[in-house]
């Protein structure tokens, strides 16, 4: 009785507080009406008639329409933020909810955050205008109107109202692009408003740093180490093209990352095959228009066509292949609803995959449980776990729980699978038992299938696929990987291991893989961010597809073709297992760059490639018939 009485008093107190809050709200609205500062109709009773924000890229136009609507209904600015929140959705709503109470109630603060997040402020329109490109299926009229809108909004938000101001805005943008980054940051922090103030700021920067120039830096050494020998690579750019030879030649330095130095290292004597499309060069003292190797160089070529070059002009690389991919290093075709990790997981493992897994698992269960041997076993063992298999098979929900438990087993490692369901207090993981009993998990593991076993082609017959049991998943992952991401220009091919010691014919041994010496070997094509664009699993020498040029050539060719990255100007980096002159020629014919270390005993290399070098010594060889350069150098004694 006493508890019921206390609860009744608490409810009455809450109701009294709610009535007081309503009374204060009415009094506040009445005060606004009396002063003429409040709205004629409260925004909660007069909801906005404009639709919600569907396209965040045009949030600036939407906010202008919203402000016009608020002005027409005479809303007070303090109420606009709450009213706007009713119209936001998806990412825009998430941004609003992440603001603090003070910012969330300030319309101008909310507006500033939204414009900045969706690049609709001054800097955003500037970036959009300077990087504008036509979109797919966009006609020229729409494209130029969009570019003009970006420019007009940039000028408008910059506060430019005169021709002189427009001239200063455009001139400053072009000039600062040719200046040093520190100088640009210094100038922008001081926000000069005209040409005179800009010169004043620049003079102050230069006077305070007499040893530092405002010019943009261009050159960088190949090696970042402290040894006295520091080779550099220069790029020779061609001008007008006459036949197959560049007529006008200019030289510039290109920045080479420090990572490349270690990539070129190979034992005590570093050897490298650079396939950066090196063009034959004209000796700069010759006045003829064409660039050709001299007669002496042709006579000195070895049996493989290599000529050792010593003149500085003969080992300068020229890259004449353009990267034709529009938007590298970007996601694409991502649905708007993708926010959480499970949403992105569902992009790769979609509903079709789950339907296939359910269908083939239940099909195999029917075949197995209906066989004479299994029926006889169940008759002799009435309590067998096979009797617990559902009559209608497992559904997708059960399979998702099963896969979820498998993923969690990778996070919580135990020696035996049944230990995840142990009831010992010192070792228990109750999560697994709450999702699925151990017998049910083991039963699904016994029946799990992705293919129809009745249609499998036997080993040794034509069309046999060693990975037929997981082919559906491999094709699914490879297909989705290309669908949702555009790789960056720099690609790499290498092998990795899936650690396991099962008794299957596919198990490989790789002693240099410390994390897993035994397991399944897979070849992967990745971009510079580690995103796997395509993979294939190695089935062993006997079952693997043989190539006339060897396994390395076959792996590179298949991965590059399956990934659809040939003839687009991509740059492939590989190690000495894959790098071969034949592979370099193949990629060159398909407009693809190649850089990689190479084994000194590879076929087709210069005859003097194996010679021992002194510390700090380097040698170059060139093949003029296929634009290839080989480099051997030694940095230290060991």
Foldseek 3Di string as FASTA:
>chain_A
DVVVVVVVVVVVVVVVVVVVVVVVVVVVQVVCVVVVQAFPDDCVVVADPDAADDDLLVVVVVVVVLVVSCVVRNHHQQCSLVSNLVRYDFPLNVVLVPDDPVLSRHPVSSVVVSCVVSLNALRSLVVCLVQQDDDPPDDPVRSVVVSVVSVVSNCVRVVDDDPQQVVFVVVVVVVLVQWAPVLSVQQVVVPDRHDVVSVVSSVVVCVVCVPDDRGYDAADWQAPDDFPQTHFAKEWEADDDDDQFGQDTDIDGHDHDNVVVVQQQDPQWGWKWFLQLFAAAADVVDDDRGGDDDPVQQVQADPLQKGWDDDPRGPHGYHPFDFFDDDAFAWPPQDSVDDDPVSVVCLLCDPVNLVLFQVQLVVQLCVVCVDPVNVVVCVVPVPDLNVVADPVGDHSVLVVLLVVVVVVCVVPPDDDPCQQCDPPPVRYDCVNVVSDNPSVSVVSVVRGFNDHPVPADDPPDPPHDPPVRCVVSQVSNLVSLLNTHHHDQEKEKDKDFDADDDPDQQWAADVVHVVHRIHWMKIFIHHPVRRTNHMDTDRDPVPDDADPVGDLLVVVVVNCVSSVPFLRQGEYEYEAVNDAPVSSQVRVVRNYTYIYTHDQPGPSDDPCSPDDDDASDKIWMARNVRSIIMIMHGHDRD
